[in-house]
Amino acid sequence: MKNTELKRIPDHVAIIMDGNGRWAEEQGKERIFGHQNGVQAVRNAIEGAGEAGVKYLTLYAFSTENWNRPKEEIDALMSLLVRAIQNELDNLMANNVRLQAIGNLATLPQRCRSELKDAIETTKNNTGLTVVLALSYSGRWEIVNAVKEIVNNYRKEQEITETVFASFLNTKEMPDPDILIRTGRERRISNFLLWQIAYAELFFPELLWPDFKKEDLFEIIAEYQTRQRRFGKTGTQVESEI
């Protein structure tokens, strides 16, 4: 799918990458096997987003709730994250992809923080797709953190607007998602970008994450283009502005 074939390209696609563990279990493997195979699905999503002309791709890689998983699984996930960043850096540079991260990054192991910081610095001047990793992230944590900062910076209620509030979020430098995708055969938001997805189009493909291909992303974008996004307006108002 070439971006010239698309009439209305989403600026920002966000993905909850769910189903790695179940994918492995269905094949009689350990859960980490699913996470390892999920790396290829990440490549597919990045490649597809770049080809389609998407500007931002945010991937829910590790939530604050994931810290409650068994230590062995967490350690394996952190090691996998380090290897994935190391292995994919050349591809990111070759494809002009910029890497960013959101979340409570201070809670990540030092080696993860170091590799992530180096990759972000290396890719910072790339001008193509921006890939955002949500790590040790939760929507409620982000909102509470924003409120704390606003309390320290504002004294008058009248000064606090939606625009002001959004400027204290982790995503302040990017547009809100146009599309939210969740794989894993579940239909939940799972504490992801709670403020930002107020008007996102939601998609729940019947796929486990390791099976996600760039063609699946293209199909979702094609369906997105058939949807009428009202933003609280009437159909007539929306049509008159297209």
C-alpha atoms as a PDB file:
ATOM      1  CA  MET A   1       0.000   0.000   0.000  1.00  0.00           C
ATOM      2  CA  LYS A   2       1.540   3.259  -1.132  1.00  0.00           C
ATOM      3  CA  ASN A   3       0.659   6.435   0.728  1.00  0.00           C
ATOM      4  CA  THR A   4      -0.475   7.947  -2.584  1.00  0.00           C
ATOM      5  CA  GLU A   5      -3.288   5.381  -2.586  1.00  0.00           C
ATOM      6  CA  LEU A   6      -4.650   6.631   0.721  1.00  0.00           C
ATOM      7  CA  LYS A   7      -7.074   9.526   0.940  1.00  0.00           C
ATOM      8  CA  ARG A   8      -6.885  10.199   4.687  1.00  0.00           C
ATOM      9  CA  ILE A   9      -3.763   9.073   6.505  1.00  0.00           C
ATOM     10  CA  PRO A  10      -3.872   8.803  10.306  1.00  0.00           C
ATOM     11  CA  ASP A  11      -1.175  10.962  11.860  1.00  0.00           C
ATOM     12  CA  HIS A  12      -0.895   8.760  14.929  1.00  0.00           C
ATOM     13  CA  VAL A  13      -1.553   5.037  15.410  1.00  0.00           C
ATOM     14  CA  ALA A  14      -1.346   3.493  18.890  1.00  0.00           C
ATOM     15  CA  ILE A  15      -1.180  -0.259  19.482  1.00  0.00           C
ATOM     16  CA  ILE A  16      -1.745  -2.412  22.563  1.00  0.00           C
ATOM     17  CA  MET A  17       0.424  -5.404  21.657  1.00  0.00           C
ATOM     18  CA  ASP A  18      -1.472  -8.157  23.466  1.00  0.00           C
ATOM     19  CA  GLY A  19      -1.406 -11.932  23.132  1.00  0.00           C
ATOM     20  CA  ASN A  20       2.281 -12.902  23.136  1.00  0.00           C
ATOM     21  CA  GLY A  21       1.946 -15.258  26.086  1.00  0.00           C
ATOM     22  CA  ARG A  22      -1.207 -16.946  24.815  1.00  0.00           C
ATOM     23  CA  TRP A  23       0.342 -17.334  21.350  1.00  0.00           C
ATOM     24  CA  ALA A  24       3.247 -19.239  22.915  1.00  0.00           C
ATOM     25  CA  GLU A  25       1.007 -21.330  25.160  1.00  0.00           C
ATOM     26  CA  GLU A  26      -1.139 -22.372  22.181  1.00  0.00           C
ATOM     27  CA  GLN A  27       2.041 -23.771  20.659  1.00  0.00           C
ATOM     28  CA  GLY A  28       3.121 -25.515  23.841  1.00  0.00           C
ATOM     29  CA  LYS A  29       5.966 -23.048  24.476  1.00  0.00           C
ATOM     30  CA  GLU A  30       7.036 -20.845  27.376  1.00  0.00           C
ATOM     31  CA  ARG A  31       5.526 -17.330  27.446  1.00  0.00           C
ATOM     32  CA  ILE A  32       8.854 -15.667  26.621  1.00  0.00           C
ATOM     33  CA  PHE A  33       8.801 -17.502  23.272  1.00  0.00           C
ATOM     34  CA  GLY A  34       5.758 -15.426  22.376  1.00  0.00           C
ATOM     35  CA  HIS A  35       7.465 -12.189  23.375  1.00  0.00           C
ATOM     36  CA  GLN A  36      10.482 -13.125  21.241  1.00  0.00           C
ATOM     37  CA  ASN A  37       8.259 -13.707  18.223  1.00  0.00           C
ATOM     38  CA  GLY A  38       6.398 -10.501  18.961  1.00  0.00           C
ATOM     39  CA  VAL A  39       9.526  -8.571  17.956  1.00  0.00           C
ATOM     40  CA  GLN A  40       8.884  -9.492  14.319  1.00  0.00           C
ATOM     41  CA  ALA A  41       5.358  -8.119  14.632  1.00  0.00           C
ATOM     42  CA  VAL A  42       6.872  -4.851  15.883  1.00  0.00           C
ATOM     43  CA  ARG A  43       9.031  -4.766  12.750  1.00  0.00           C
ATOM     44  CA  ASN A  44       5.930  -5.396  10.650  1.00  0.00           C
ATOM     45  CA  ALA A  45       4.023  -2.561  12.330  1.00  0.00           C
ATOM     46  CA  ILE A  46       6.922  -0.120  11.931  1.00  0.00           C
ATOM     47  CA  GLU A  47       7.443  -1.045   8.294  1.00  0.00           C
ATOM     48  CA  GLY A  48       3.730  -0.793   7.530  1.00  0.00           C
ATOM     49  CA  ALA A  49       3.308   2.530   9.321  1.00  0.00           C
ATOM     50  CA  GLY A  50       6.265   3.948   7.435  1.00  0.00           C
ATOM     51  CA  GLU A  51       4.942   2.769   4.078  1.00  0.00           C
ATOM     52  CA  ALA A  52       1.477   4.160   4.782  1.00  0.00           C
ATOM     53  CA  GLY A  53       2.801   7.584   5.740  1.00  0.00           C
ATOM     54  CA  VAL A  54       1.850   7.505   9.424  1.00  0.00           C
ATOM     55  CA  LYS A  55       3.792  10.089  11.435  1.00  0.00           C
ATOM     56  CA  TYR A  56       3.632   8.547  14.936  1.00  0.00           C
ATOM     57  CA  LEU A  57       3.377   4.911  16.026  1.00  0.00           C
ATOM     58  CA  THR A  58       3.031   4.350  19.781  1.00  0.00           C
ATOM     59  CA  LEU A  59       3.532   0.805  21.050  1.00  0.00           C
ATOM     60  CA  TYR A  60       2.401  -0.282  24.524  1.00  0.00           C
ATOM     61  CA  ALA A  61       5.474  -2.345  25.358  1.00  0.00           C
ATOM     62  CA  PHE A  62       5.333  -2.630  29.165  1.00  0.00           C
ATOM     63  CA  SER A  63       2.699  -1.306  31.560  1.00  0.00           C
ATOM     64  CA  THR A  64       3.106  -0.392  35.220  1.00  0.00           C
ATOM     65  CA  GLU A  65       0.836  -3.362  35.984  1.00  0.00           C
ATOM     66  CA  ASN A  66       3.293  -5.685  34.213  1.00  0.00           C
ATOM     67  CA  TRP A  67       5.683  -5.261  37.153  1.00  0.00           C
ATOM     68  CA  ASN A  68       3.348  -7.645  39.004  1.00  0.00           C
ATOM     69  CA  ARG A  69       4.278 -10.532  36.715  1.00  0.00           C
ATOM     70  CA  PRO A  70       6.697 -13.262  37.891  1.00  0.00           C
ATOM     71  CA  LYS A  71      10.261 -11.984  38.293  1.00  0.00           C
ATOM     72  CA  GLU A  72      11.587 -14.497  35.780  1.00  0.00           C
ATOM     73  CA  GLU A  73       9.261 -13.183  33.086  1.00  0.00           C
ATOM     74  CA  ILE A  74      10.067  -9.550  33.889  1.00  0.00           C
ATOM     75  CA  ASP A  75      13.822 -10.230  33.744  1.00  0.00           C
ATOM     76  CA  ALA A  76      13.400 -11.996  30.405  1.00  0.00           C
ATOM     77  CA  LEU A  77      11.317  -9.116  29.034  1.00  0.00           C
ATOM     78  CA  MET A  78      13.899  -6.532  30.097  1.00  0.00           C
ATOM     79  CA  SER A  79      16.696  -8.552  28.482  1.00  0.00           C
ATOM     80  CA  LEU A  80      14.613  -8.891  25.335  1.00  0.00           C
ATOM     81  CA  LEU A  81      14.026  -5.134  25.295  1.00  0.00           C
ATOM     82  CA  VAL A  82      17.766  -4.457  25.467  1.00  0.00           C
ATOM     83  CA  ARG A  83      18.534  -6.915  22.661  1.00  0.00           C
ATOM     84  CA  ALA A  84      15.710  -5.594  20.495  1.00  0.00           C
ATOM     85  CA  ILE A  85      16.945  -2.000  20.807  1.00  0.00           C
ATOM     86  CA  GLN A  86      20.492  -3.072  19.977  1.00  0.00           C
ATOM     87  CA  ASN A  87      19.435  -5.244  17.031  1.00  0.00           C
ATOM     88  CA  GLU A  88      16.959  -2.796  15.512  1.00  0.00           C
ATOM     89  CA  LEU A  89      18.993   0.401  15.730  1.00  0.00           C
ATOM     90  CA  ASP A  90      20.601  -0.023  12.299  1.00  0.00           C
ATOM     91  CA  ASN A  91      17.169  -0.642  10.748  1.00  0.00           C
ATOM     92  CA  LEU A  92      15.749   2.453  12.410  1.00  0.00           C
ATOM     93  CA  MET A  93      18.587   4.554  11.033  1.00  0.00           C
ATOM     94  CA  ALA A  94      18.337   3.011   7.560  1.00  0.00           C
ATOM     95  CA  ASN A  95      14.604   3.791   7.444  1.00  0.00           C
ATOM     96  CA  ASN A  96      14.881   7.327   8.880  1.00  0.00           C
ATOM     97  CA  VAL A  97      12.856   6.327  11.980  1.00  0.00           C
ATOM     98  CA  ARG A  98      13.069   8.376  15.164  1.00  0.00           C
ATOM     99  CA  LEU A  99      12.707   6.585  18.516  1.00  0.00           C
ATOM    100  CA  GLN A 100      11.037   8.115  21.568  1.00  0.00           C
ATOM    101  CA  ALA A 101       9.745   6.713  24.881  1.00  0.00           C
ATOM    102  CA  ILE A 102       7.050   7.622  27.404  1.00  0.00           C
ATOM    103  CA  GLY A 103       6.293   6.322  30.870  1.00  0.00           C
ATOM    104  CA  ASN A 104       7.955   6.156  34.262  1.00  0.00           C
ATOM    105  CA  LEU A 105      11.316   5.349  32.700  1.00  0.00           C
ATOM    106  CA  ALA A 106      13.198   5.788  35.976  1.00  0.00           C
ATOM    107  CA  THR A 107      11.766   2.444  37.139  1.00  0.00           C
ATOM    108  CA  LEU A 108      13.422   0.516  34.297  1.00  0.00           C
ATOM    109  CA  PRO A 109      16.683  -1.362  34.955  1.00  0.00           C
ATOM    110  CA  GLN A 110      19.766   0.794  34.414  1.00  0.00           C
ATOM    111  CA  ARG A 111      20.917  -1.136  31.337  1.00  0.00           C
ATOM    112  CA  CYS A 112      17.519  -0.681  29.685  1.00  0.00           C
ATOM    113  CA  ARG A 113      17.586   3.045  30.402  1.00  0.00           C
ATOM    114  CA  SER A 114      21.087   3.322  28.992  1.00  0.00           C
ATOM    115  CA  GLU A 115      20.323   1.470  25.750  1.00  0.00           C
ATOM    116  CA  LEU A 116      17.091   3.401  25.326  1.00  0.00           C
ATOM    117  CA  LYS A 117      18.801   6.752  25.909  1.00  0.00           C
ATOM    118  CA  ASP A 118      21.525   5.921  23.380  1.00  0.00           C
ATOM    119  CA  ALA A 119      19.004   4.850  20.732  1.00  0.00           C
ATOM    120  CA  ILE A 120      16.890   7.975  21.251  1.00  0.00           C
ATOM    121  CA  GLU A 121      19.994  10.153  20.939  1.00  0.00           C
ATOM    122  CA  THR A 122      21.226   8.314  17.838  1.00  0.00           C
ATOM    123  CA  THR A 123      17.898   8.620  15.996  1.00  0.00           C
ATOM    124  CA  LYS A 124      16.900  12.110  17.184  1.00  0.00           C
ATOM    125  CA  ASN A 125      17.604  13.816  13.845  1.00  0.00           C
ATOM    126  CA  ASN A 126      15.684  11.306  11.728  1.00  0.00           C
ATOM    127  CA  THR A 127      12.695  12.884  10.001  1.00  0.00           C
ATOM    128  CA  GLY A 128      10.467   9.938   9.083  1.00  0.00           C
ATOM    129  CA  LEU A 129       8.145   7.895  11.280  1.00  0.00           C
ATOM    130  CA  THR A 130       8.442   8.479  15.040  1.00  0.00           C
ATOM    131  CA  VAL A 131       8.138   5.236  17.019  1.00  0.00           C
ATOM    132  CA  VAL A 132       7.163   5.790  20.659  1.00  0.00           C
ATOM    133  CA  LEU A 133       7.689   2.989  23.178  1.00  0.00           C
ATOM    134  CA  ALA A 134       5.366   3.146  26.195  1.00  0.00           C
ATOM    135  CA  LEU A 135       7.435   1.570  28.969  1.00  0.00           C
ATOM    136  CA  SER A 136       6.443   1.280  32.622  1.00  0.00           C
ATOM    137  CA  TYR A 137       3.470   3.348  31.513  1.00  0.00           C
ATOM    138  CA  SER A 138      -0.136   3.673  32.613  1.00  0.00           C
ATOM    139  CA  GLY A 139      -2.740   6.267  31.735  1.00  0.00           C
ATOM    140  CA  ARG A 140      -3.772   6.830  35.337  1.00  0.00           C
ATOM    141  CA  TRP A 141      -0.149   7.315  36.420  1.00  0.00           C
ATOM    142  CA  GLU A 142       0.315   9.867  33.645  1.00  0.00           C
ATOM    143  CA  ILE A 143      -2.826  11.815  34.582  1.00  0.00           C
ATOM    144  CA  VAL A 144      -2.005  11.861  38.306  1.00  0.00           C
ATOM    145  CA  ASN A 145       1.536  12.976  37.497  1.00  0.00           C
ATOM    146  CA  ALA A 146       0.174  15.779  35.305  1.00  0.00           C
ATOM    147  CA  VAL A 147      -2.169  16.941  38.085  1.00  0.00           C
ATOM    148  CA  LYS A 148       0.709  17.104  40.560  1.00  0.00           C
ATOM    149  CA  GLU A 149       2.738  19.260  38.183  1.00  0.00           C
ATOM    150  CA  ILE A 150      -0.213  21.541  37.442  1.00  0.00           C
ATOM    151  CA  VAL A 151      -0.815  22.075  41.167  1.00  0.00           C
ATOM    152  CA  ASN A 152       2.797  23.205  41.484  1.00  0.00           C
ATOM    153  CA  ASN A 153       2.554  25.583  38.523  1.00  0.00           C
ATOM    154  CA  TYR A 154      -0.945  27.077  38.653  1.00  0.00           C
ATOM    155  CA  ARG A 155      -2.886  28.768  41.409  1.00  0.00           C
ATOM    156  CA  LYS A 156      -5.983  30.007  39.575  1.00  0.00           C
ATOM    157  CA  GLU A 157      -8.646  27.558  38.415  1.00  0.00           C
ATOM    158  CA  GLN A 158      -9.429  29.725  35.371  1.00  0.00           C
ATOM    159  CA  GLU A 159      -5.891  29.212  34.041  1.00  0.00           C
ATOM    160  CA  ILE A 160      -6.288  25.447  33.752  1.00  0.00           C
ATOM    161  CA  THR A 161      -7.701  24.455  30.368  1.00  0.00           C
ATOM    162  CA  GLU A 162      -7.663  21.240  28.357  1.00  0.00           C
ATOM    163  CA  THR A 163      -4.745  22.636  26.377  1.00  0.00           C
ATOM    164  CA  VAL A 164      -2.830  23.411  29.568  1.00  0.00           C
ATOM    165  CA  PHE A 165      -3.563  19.957  30.969  1.00  0.00           C
ATOM    166  CA  ALA A 166      -2.406  18.227  27.775  1.00  0.00           C
ATOM    167  CA  SER A 167       0.862  20.168  27.904  1.00  0.00           C
ATOM    168  CA  PHE A 168       1.781  18.257  31.087  1.00  0.00           C
ATOM    169  CA  LEU A 169       1.246  14.815  29.556  1.00  0.00           C
ATOM    170  CA  ASN A 170       4.033  12.576  28.266  1.00  0.00           C
ATOM    171  CA  THR A 171       2.604  12.964  24.767  1.00  0.00           C
ATOM    172  CA  LYS A 172       2.626  16.776  24.704  1.00  0.00           C
ATOM    173  CA  GLU A 173       4.817  16.890  21.601  1.00  0.00           C
ATOM    174  CA  MET A 174       2.647  14.629  19.452  1.00  0.00           C
ATOM    175  CA  PRO A 175      -0.958  14.597  18.187  1.00  0.00           C
ATOM    176  CA  ASP A 176      -3.581  12.423  19.873  1.00  0.00           C
ATOM    177  CA  PRO A 177      -4.000   8.979  18.302  1.00  0.00           C
ATOM    178  CA  ASP A 178      -6.389   8.737  15.365  1.00  0.00           C
ATOM    179  CA  ILE A 179      -6.437   4.938  15.659  1.00  0.00           C
ATOM    180  CA  LEU A 180      -6.106   2.619  18.658  1.00  0.00           C
ATOM    181  CA  ILE A 181      -5.499  -1.058  17.872  1.00  0.00           C
ATOM    182  CA  ARG A 182      -5.615  -3.857  20.412  1.00  0.00           C
ATOM    183  CA  THR A 183      -4.662  -7.392  19.462  1.00  0.00           C
ATOM    184  CA  GLY A 184      -5.041 -10.429  21.717  1.00  0.00           C
ATOM    185  CA  ARG A 185      -8.772 -11.087  21.194  1.00  0.00           C
ATOM    186  CA  GLU A 186      -9.628  -8.691  24.009  1.00  0.00           C
ATOM    187  CA  ARG A 187     -11.697  -5.502  23.929  1.00  0.00           C
ATOM    188  CA  ARG A 188     -10.234  -3.398  26.702  1.00  0.00           C
ATOM    189  CA  ILE A 189      -8.217  -0.194  26.840  1.00  0.00           C
ATOM    190  CA  SER A 190      -6.065  -1.470  29.728  1.00  0.00           C
ATOM    191  CA  ASN A 191      -5.043   1.906  31.128  1.00  0.00           C
ATOM    192  CA  PHE A 192      -3.430   3.110  27.889  1.00  0.00           C
ATOM    193  CA  LEU A 193      -3.449   6.767  26.781  1.00  0.00           C
ATOM    194  CA  LEU A 194      -6.708   7.385  28.632  1.00  0.00           C
ATOM    195  CA  TRP A 195      -6.796  11.148  27.980  1.00  0.00           C
ATOM    196  CA  GLN A 196      -5.439  10.991  24.447  1.00  0.00           C
ATOM    197  CA  ILE A 197      -7.821   8.424  22.930  1.00  0.00           C
ATOM    198  CA  ALA A 198     -10.999  10.400  23.665  1.00  0.00           C
ATOM    199  CA  TYR A 199     -11.829  10.514  19.934  1.00  0.00           C
ATOM    200  CA  ALA A 200      -9.665   7.708  18.571  1.00  0.00           C
ATOM    201  CA  GLU A 201     -11.180   5.081  16.290  1.00  0.00           C
ATOM    202  CA  LEU A 202     -10.934   1.701  18.040  1.00  0.00           C
ATOM    203  CA  PHE A 203     -10.010  -1.579  16.331  1.00  0.00           C
ATOM    204  CA  PHE A 204      -9.895  -5.053  17.898  1.00  0.00           C
ATOM    205  CA  PRO A 205      -8.592  -7.507  15.276  1.00  0.00           C
ATOM    206  CA  GLU A 206      -8.960 -11.189  16.136  1.00  0.00           C
ATOM    207  CA  LEU A 207      -5.203 -11.677  16.203  1.00  0.00           C
ATOM    208  CA  LEU A 208      -2.579 -12.477  18.792  1.00  0.00           C
ATOM    209  CA  TRP A 209       0.277 -10.004  18.518  1.00  0.00           C
ATOM    210  CA  PRO A 210       2.951 -12.303  16.982  1.00  0.00           C
ATOM    211  CA  ASP A 211       0.586 -12.897  14.032  1.00  0.00           C
ATOM    212  CA  PHE A 212       0.264  -9.175  13.242  1.00  0.00           C
ATOM    213  CA  LYS A 213       1.428  -8.281   9.718  1.00  0.00           C
ATOM    214  CA  LYS A 214       1.743  -4.959   7.969  1.00  0.00           C
ATOM    215  CA  GLU A 215      -1.177  -6.004   5.764  1.00  0.00           C
ATOM    216  CA  ASP A 216      -3.320  -6.064   8.917  1.00  0.00           C
ATOM    217  CA  LEU A 217      -2.352  -2.456   9.553  1.00  0.00           C
ATOM    218  CA  PHE A 218      -3.204  -1.524   5.957  1.00  0.00           C
ATOM    219  CA  GLU A 219      -6.655  -3.117   6.314  1.00  0.00           C
ATOM    220  CA  ILE A 220      -7.305  -1.180   9.518  1.00  0.00           C
ATOM    221  CA  ILE A 221      -6.248   2.096   7.899  1.00  0.00           C
ATOM    222  CA  ALA A 222      -8.521   1.362   4.940  1.00  0.00           C
ATOM    223  CA  GLU A 223     -11.475   0.801   7.284  1.00  0.00           C
ATOM    224  CA  TYR A 224     -10.530   3.924   9.241  1.00  0.00           C
ATOM    225  CA  GLN A 225     -10.920   5.904   6.026  1.00  0.00           C
ATOM    226  CA  THR A 226     -14.530   4.749   5.700  1.00  0.00           C
ATOM    227  CA  ARG A 227     -15.478   5.951   9.186  1.00  0.00           C
ATOM    228  CA  GLN A 228     -16.962   9.389   9.750  1.00  0.00           C
ATOM    229  CA  ARG A 229     -15.204  11.074  12.653  1.00  0.00           C
ATOM    230  CA  ARG A 230     -17.706  13.449  14.261  1.00  0.00           C
ATOM    231  CA  PHE A 231     -15.818  14.822  17.300  1.00  0.00           C
ATOM    232  CA  GLY A 232     -19.204  15.606  18.843  1.00  0.00           C
ATOM    233  CA  LYS A 233     -20.513  17.365  15.730  1.00  0.00           C
ATOM    234  CA  THR A 234     -23.434  16.418  13.503  1.00  0.00           C
ATOM    235  CA  GLY A 235     -22.884  14.497  10.323  1.00  0.00           C
ATOM    236  CA  THR A 236     -23.688  17.594   8.244  1.00  0.00           C
ATOM    237  CA  GLN A 237     -21.072  19.659  10.084  1.00  0.00           C
ATOM    238  CA  VAL A 238     -18.420  17.008   9.578  1.00  0.00           C
ATOM    239  CA  GLU A 239     -19.173  16.582   5.875  1.00  0.00           C
ATOM    240  CA  SER A 240     -19.027  20.329   5.290  1.00  0.00           C
ATOM    241  CA  GLU A 241     -15.477  20.433   6.652  1.00  0.00           C
ATOM    242  CA  ILE A 242     -14.047  17.528   4.622  1.00  0.00           C
END
